[in-house]
Amino acid sequence: MPKGDAGGKIQRPDLSADENSYLRMLGERIRELRARRGMTRKILARDSGVSERYLAQLETGHGNISIILLRQISQAMGMPLVELVQEEPEQPVELTLLQQFLTRLSPKKLARARTVLMNEFGSADKSERRHRVALIGLRGAGKTTLGQLLASQLDAPFIELAREIEREAGTVLAEIFSLYGQAAYRRYERRALESVIENHERFVVAPGGGIVSEPATFDLLLTSCYTVWLKASPEEHMGRVVAQGDQRPMLDNQEAMQDLQRILVGRTALYSKADAIVDTSGKTAEQSLSDLLKCIVAY
């Protein structure tokens, strides 16, 4: 049987302390990334073809020994494990050197470097971005309600990205997820966003809350649109969704609030990359709209 270490955590006796620590770190990372994408373990099991039981073992630090063997191979070759398992062709040398340089920067300097790169090589200038407003945040933040009000004030079309995704896929969201899984949904999401940007000079768009978990799509949103994070407490998020008659957050999940809190924690750093933040907690739609307009005027 596995035994506990000094910290009270379960260890596999056939592995070293370092290897056990690595498996725990890997498990925590998978759990965090799953939460950030808003995926339950059941959904991940369905989309990946991996059993819930194995996913549970993996997330609690009891992954298959093959993971450790692959790690040993990467260490022996002196290269990161991620480079060993990536499916894409080997990246250009300049990109590798740039990544190595950026990893040595402090978080503060890294943020400055990103700003410099966006200003120099960004796909849209400030005047273009201010006419393309994107409202990001979890369900229940008020993206649709405020988006419609804002679009009316700006005399611009309001676009729910979910409807554009359905048009791109030729079917409803539920069918996309059930037939093709989340990976396919993310591909349609990227295409839909590219189409909206290409075909509209001005708009207010409300994407799904999980768009921030797809780096390439989120980067496109940030560089092409003026983004605003509509922020609210987990309790308000849940209360608004249920008040709208949507009971899905509570179905098949007795820990819905804990899941919601975990998703919000996992995405906070990403949502914070928005150009502005509007806290809608405890405010009427009119009050939040006023705050939103002030942000846009000040930009």
Protein backbone atom coordinates (compact mmCIF):
# COMPACT_ATOMS: atom_id res chain seq x y z
CA MET A 1 0.00 0.00 0.00
CA PRO A 2 1.19 3.57 -0.64
CA LYS A 3 2.54 5.27 2.47
CA GLY A 4 2.35 8.85 3.66
CA ASP A 5 5.30 11.23 3.47
CA ALA A 6 6.32 13.84 6.03
CA GLY A 7 3.66 16.18 4.70
CA GLY A 8 0.91 13.61 5.17
CA LYS A 9 0.51 12.98 1.44
CA ILE A 10 0.29 9.56 -0.18
CA GLN A 11 3.45 8.20 -1.78
CA ARG A 12 4.08 5.27 -4.08
CA PRO A 13 6.78 3.14 -2.41
CA ASP A 14 8.25 2.16 -5.80
CA LEU A 15 9.15 5.79 -6.61
CA SER A 16 11.62 8.26 -5.14
CA ALA A 17 10.50 11.35 -3.20
CA ASP A 18 11.33 13.51 -6.25
CA GLU A 19 9.27 11.29 -8.56
CA ASN A 20 6.32 11.29 -6.17
CA SER A 21 6.57 15.08 -5.92
CA TYR A 22 6.57 15.35 -9.73
CA LEU A 23 3.45 13.17 -10.07
CA ARG A 24 1.64 15.27 -7.47
CA MET A 25 2.62 18.47 -9.29
CA LEU A 26 1.45 16.98 -12.59
CA GLY A 27 -1.86 15.93 -11.04
CA GLU A 28 -2.48 19.38 -9.57
CA ARG A 29 -1.66 21.01 -12.92
CA ILE A 30 -4.10 18.75 -14.80
CA ARG A 31 -6.82 19.47 -12.25
CA GLU A 32 -6.17 23.22 -12.49
CA LEU A 33 -6.19 23.22 -16.31
CA ARG A 34 -9.36 21.12 -16.38
CA ALA A 35 -11.06 23.59 -14.05
CA ARG A 36 -9.84 26.55 -16.11
CA ARG A 37 -11.53 25.04 -19.16
CA GLY A 38 -14.72 24.44 -17.21
CA MET A 39 -14.53 20.68 -17.75
CA THR A 40 -15.76 18.14 -15.21
CA ARG A 41 -13.79 14.92 -14.83
CA LYS A 42 -16.68 13.09 -16.52
CA ILE A 43 -16.51 15.36 -19.58
CA LEU A 44 -12.73 15.03 -19.81
CA ALA A 45 -13.03 11.25 -19.58
CA ARG A 46 -15.60 11.22 -22.38
CA ASP A 47 -13.61 13.50 -24.68
CA SER A 48 -10.24 11.84 -24.04
CA GLY A 49 -11.33 8.22 -23.93
CA VAL A 50 -9.54 7.87 -20.58
CA SER A 51 -11.51 6.43 -17.66
CA GLU A 52 -12.65 8.64 -14.81
CA ARG A 53 -10.88 6.25 -12.46
CA TYR A 54 -7.52 6.80 -14.14
CA LEU A 55 -8.07 10.57 -14.28
CA ALA A 56 -8.79 10.53 -10.55
CA GLN A 57 -5.56 8.62 -9.94
CA LEU A 58 -3.63 11.01 -12.16
CA GLU A 59 -5.01 14.11 -10.43
CA THR A 60 -4.13 12.75 -6.98
CA GLY A 61 -0.54 12.02 -7.93
CA HIS A 62 -0.79 8.34 -8.80
CA GLY A 63 -0.05 8.52 -12.51
CA ASN A 64 1.28 5.63 -14.54
CA ILE A 65 4.98 4.84 -14.20
CA SER A 66 5.36 5.53 -17.95
CA ILE A 67 5.08 9.25 -17.16
CA ILE A 68 8.18 9.01 -14.98
CA LEU A 69 10.06 7.04 -17.64
CA LEU A 70 9.28 9.68 -20.26
CA ARG A 71 10.47 12.35 -17.86
CA GLN A 72 13.73 10.45 -17.34
CA ILE A 73 14.28 10.32 -21.12
CA SER A 74 13.74 14.08 -21.47
CA GLN A 75 16.12 14.79 -18.58
CA ALA A 76 18.79 12.54 -20.11
CA MET A 77 18.49 14.45 -23.39
CA GLY A 78 18.64 17.79 -21.60
CA MET A 79 15.36 19.08 -23.02
CA PRO A 80 11.97 20.02 -21.54
CA LEU A 81 9.40 17.22 -21.49
CA VAL A 82 6.94 19.44 -23.37
CA GLU A 83 9.30 19.59 -26.37
CA LEU A 84 9.62 15.83 -26.40
CA VAL A 85 5.88 15.18 -26.60
CA GLN A 86 4.68 18.11 -28.75
CA GLU A 87 2.92 17.10 -31.97
CA GLU A 88 3.89 20.18 -33.99
CA PRO A 89 7.11 20.36 -36.09
CA GLU A 90 10.18 21.69 -34.30
CA GLN A 91 9.80 25.45 -33.85
CA PRO A 92 12.18 28.04 -35.37
CA VAL A 93 15.43 28.63 -33.50
CA GLU A 94 14.59 32.33 -33.02
CA LEU A 95 11.35 31.42 -31.26
CA THR A 96 13.17 28.96 -28.98
CA LEU A 97 15.77 31.60 -28.08
CA LEU A 98 13.05 34.21 -27.48
CA GLN A 99 11.19 31.85 -25.15
CA GLN A 100 14.38 31.15 -23.23
CA PHE A 101 15.02 34.89 -22.89
CA LEU A 102 11.48 35.61 -21.70
CA THR A 103 11.59 32.87 -19.06
CA ARG A 104 14.44 34.74 -17.34
CA LEU A 105 12.39 37.91 -16.91
CA SER A 106 10.52 38.79 -13.73
CA PRO A 107 6.71 38.87 -13.94
CA LYS A 108 6.79 42.68 -14.01
CA LYS A 109 9.33 42.82 -16.84
CA LEU A 110 7.48 40.06 -18.68
CA ALA A 111 4.30 42.16 -18.65
CA ARG A 112 6.28 45.11 -20.05
CA ALA A 113 7.80 42.91 -22.75
CA ARG A 114 4.35 41.76 -23.83
CA THR A 115 3.16 45.37 -24.04
CA VAL A 116 6.15 46.31 -26.19
CA LEU A 117 5.58 43.36 -28.53
CA MET A 118 1.86 44.12 -28.84
CA ASN A 119 2.53 47.79 -29.60
CA GLU A 120 5.13 46.90 -32.21
CA PHE A 121 3.58 43.85 -33.83
CA GLY A 122 -0.08 43.86 -32.73
CA SER A 123 -2.63 43.19 -35.47
CA ALA A 124 -4.81 46.23 -34.71
CA ASP A 125 -4.02 49.77 -33.59
CA LYS A 126 -5.75 51.57 -30.75
CA SER A 127 -8.33 53.31 -32.95
CA GLU A 128 -9.43 49.98 -34.44
CA ARG A 129 -9.60 48.20 -31.11
CA ARG A 130 -11.77 50.83 -29.45
CA HIS A 131 -14.54 50.13 -31.99
CA ARG A 132 -14.41 46.40 -31.30
CA VAL A 133 -15.48 45.77 -27.72
CA ALA A 134 -15.30 42.28 -26.22
CA LEU A 135 -16.94 41.48 -22.88
CA ILE A 136 -15.34 38.52 -21.14
CA GLY A 137 -16.18 36.69 -17.92
CA LEU A 138 -18.03 33.70 -16.51
CA ARG A 139 -21.67 32.92 -17.21
CA GLY A 140 -23.92 35.19 -15.19
CA ALA A 141 -21.56 38.18 -15.30
CA GLY A 142 -24.00 40.13 -17.50
CA LYS A 143 -22.27 39.84 -20.87
CA THR A 144 -25.48 39.49 -22.89
CA THR A 145 -27.52 42.07 -20.97
CA LEU A 146 -24.76 44.68 -20.85
CA GLY A 147 -23.56 43.80 -24.34
CA GLN A 148 -26.94 44.59 -25.85
CA LEU A 149 -27.23 47.84 -23.89
CA LEU A 150 -23.70 48.89 -24.82
CA ALA A 151 -24.18 48.06 -28.49
CA SER A 152 -27.28 50.24 -28.54
CA GLN A 153 -25.35 53.13 -26.98
CA LEU A 154 -22.48 52.76 -29.46
CA ASP A 155 -24.77 52.16 -32.45
CA ALA A 156 -22.91 48.93 -33.18
CA PRO A 157 -24.11 45.35 -33.72
CA PHE A 158 -24.18 43.04 -30.72
CA ILE A 159 -22.75 39.60 -31.47
CA GLU A 160 -23.00 36.53 -29.27
CA LEU A 161 -20.07 34.41 -30.35
CA ALA A 162 -21.98 31.24 -29.48
CA ARG A 163 -24.45 31.92 -32.30
CA GLU A 164 -21.57 32.48 -34.73
CA ILE A 165 -20.00 29.20 -33.64
CA GLU A 166 -23.28 27.39 -34.32
CA ARG A 167 -23.45 29.01 -37.75
CA GLU A 168 -19.85 27.96 -38.46
CA ALA A 169 -20.47 24.38 -37.34
CA GLY A 170 -23.94 24.07 -38.83
CA THR A 171 -25.40 22.75 -35.56
CA VAL A 172 -26.20 23.80 -31.99
CA LEU A 173 -23.58 23.96 -29.25
CA ALA A 174 -24.90 20.91 -27.42
CA GLU A 175 -24.43 18.81 -30.55
CA ILE A 176 -20.90 20.14 -31.10
CA PHE A 177 -19.89 19.06 -27.62
CA SER A 178 -21.69 15.72 -27.66
CA LEU A 179 -20.57 14.70 -31.17
CA TYR A 180 -17.10 16.21 -31.43
CA GLY A 181 -15.96 17.26 -27.95
CA GLN A 182 -14.44 20.43 -26.57
CA ALA A 183 -11.39 20.39 -28.85
CA ALA A 184 -13.63 20.73 -31.93
CA TYR A 185 -15.66 23.44 -30.20
CA ARG A 186 -12.45 25.45 -29.67
CA ARG A 187 -11.57 25.17 -33.36
CA TYR A 188 -15.02 26.46 -34.38
CA GLU A 189 -14.69 29.22 -31.77
CA ARG A 190 -11.44 30.43 -33.33
CA ARG A 191 -12.91 30.40 -36.84
CA ALA A 192 -16.03 32.25 -35.68
CA LEU A 193 -13.98 34.98 -33.97
CA GLU A 194 -11.77 35.40 -37.04
CA SER A 195 -14.88 35.74 -39.19
CA VAL A 196 -16.44 38.37 -36.89
CA ILE A 197 -13.23 40.47 -36.89
CA GLU A 198 -12.82 40.17 -40.65
CA ASN A 199 -16.41 41.09 -41.50
CA HIS A 200 -17.16 43.86 -38.97
CA GLU A 201 -15.30 47.12 -38.42
CA ARG A 202 -17.22 47.77 -35.20
CA PHE A 203 -19.15 45.54 -32.81
CA VAL A 204 -19.74 44.46 -29.24
CA VAL A 205 -19.06 40.75 -28.85
CA ALA A 206 -19.80 38.39 -25.97
CA PRO A 207 -17.67 35.23 -26.18
CA GLY A 208 -18.01 32.20 -23.93
CA GLY A 209 -16.31 32.36 -20.55
CA GLY A 210 -13.79 29.69 -21.48
CA ILE A 211 -12.30 31.54 -24.44
CA VAL A 212 -9.46 32.68 -22.18
CA SER A 213 -8.27 29.08 -21.75
CA GLU A 214 -7.33 28.81 -25.44
CA PRO A 215 -4.12 30.90 -25.75
CA ALA A 216 -4.16 31.53 -29.52
CA THR A 217 -7.85 32.53 -29.60
CA PHE A 218 -7.56 34.68 -26.48
CA ASP A 219 -4.50 36.44 -27.91
CA LEU A 220 -6.48 37.20 -31.09
CA LEU A 221 -9.25 38.68 -28.94
CA LEU A 222 -6.82 40.79 -26.89
CA THR A 223 -4.93 42.15 -29.89
CA SER A 224 -8.02 42.85 -32.02
CA CYS A 225 -10.56 44.11 -29.47
CA TYR A 226 -10.89 46.39 -26.49
CA THR A 227 -11.59 43.79 -23.82
CA VAL A 228 -13.49 44.28 -20.57
CA TRP A 229 -13.75 41.69 -17.81
CA LEU A 230 -17.22 41.76 -16.30
CA LYS A 231 -16.41 40.56 -12.81
CA ALA A 232 -18.79 39.24 -10.14
CA SER A 233 -18.67 37.02 -7.08
CA PRO A 234 -19.23 33.25 -7.53
CA GLU A 235 -22.51 33.56 -5.61
CA GLU A 236 -23.79 36.24 -7.99
CA HIS A 237 -22.69 34.24 -11.03
CA MET A 238 -24.61 31.20 -9.83
CA GLY A 239 -27.64 33.19 -8.63
CA ARG A 240 -28.07 35.00 -11.95
CA VAL A 241 -27.81 31.84 -14.02
CA VAL A 242 -30.37 30.02 -11.88
CA ALA A 243 -32.63 33.11 -11.82
CA GLN A 244 -32.71 32.96 -15.61
CA GLY A 245 -34.26 29.50 -15.30
CA ASP A 246 -31.10 27.59 -16.19
CA GLN A 247 -30.68 24.72 -13.75
CA ARG A 248 -27.75 23.14 -15.61
CA PRO A 249 -25.14 24.33 -13.10
CA MET A 250 -26.79 22.11 -10.48
CA LEU A 251 -27.41 19.00 -12.59
CA ASP A 252 -25.26 15.91 -11.93
CA ASN A 253 -23.00 17.95 -9.70
CA GLN A 254 -23.58 18.45 -6.01
CA GLU A 255 -20.41 20.52 -5.76
CA ALA A 256 -21.42 23.10 -8.36
CA MET A 257 -20.38 26.09 -6.26
CA GLN A 258 -16.98 24.59 -5.50
CA ASP A 259 -16.47 23.91 -9.21
CA LEU A 260 -17.47 27.48 -10.06
CA GLN A 261 -15.06 28.89 -7.48
CA ARG A 262 -12.27 26.67 -8.81
CA ILE A 263 -12.93 27.82 -12.39
CA LEU A 264 -12.91 31.48 -11.33
CA VAL A 265 -9.64 31.06 -9.42
CA GLY A 266 -8.09 29.28 -12.39
CA ARG A 267 -9.14 31.98 -14.84
CA THR A 268 -8.63 35.13 -12.77
CA ALA A 269 -5.07 35.72 -14.01
CA LEU A 270 -6.31 35.36 -17.60
CA TYR A 271 -9.39 37.56 -17.20
CA SER A 272 -7.11 40.18 -15.62
CA LYS A 273 -5.33 40.59 -18.97
CA ALA A 274 -8.37 42.57 -20.17
CA ASP A 275 -7.95 46.28 -20.88
CA ALA A 276 -10.46 47.13 -18.15
CA ILE A 277 -12.39 45.48 -15.32
CA VAL A 278 -15.99 46.30 -14.40
CA ASP A 279 -17.30 44.74 -11.20
CA THR A 280 -21.03 44.08 -11.63
CA SER A 281 -21.58 42.68 -8.12
CA GLY A 282 -24.52 44.28 -6.36
CA LYS A 283 -25.16 46.72 -9.21
CA THR A 284 -28.06 47.26 -11.56
CA ALA A 285 -27.56 46.88 -15.30
CA GLU A 286 -27.76 50.66 -15.67
CA GLN A 287 -25.03 51.22 -13.07
CA SER A 288 -22.75 48.65 -14.70
CA LEU A 289 -23.42 50.13 -18.13
CA SER A 290 -22.36 53.55 -16.83
CA ASP A 291 -19.10 52.05 -15.51
CA LEU A 292 -18.55 50.30 -18.82
CA LEU A 293 -19.05 53.48 -20.86
CA LYS A 294 -16.59 55.37 -18.64
CA CYS A 295 -13.93 52.74 -19.38
CA ILE A 296 -14.46 53.00 -23.11
CA VAL A 297 -14.45 56.80 -23.15
CA ALA A 298 -11.26 56.86 -21.09
CA TYR A 299 -9.48 54.47 -23.48
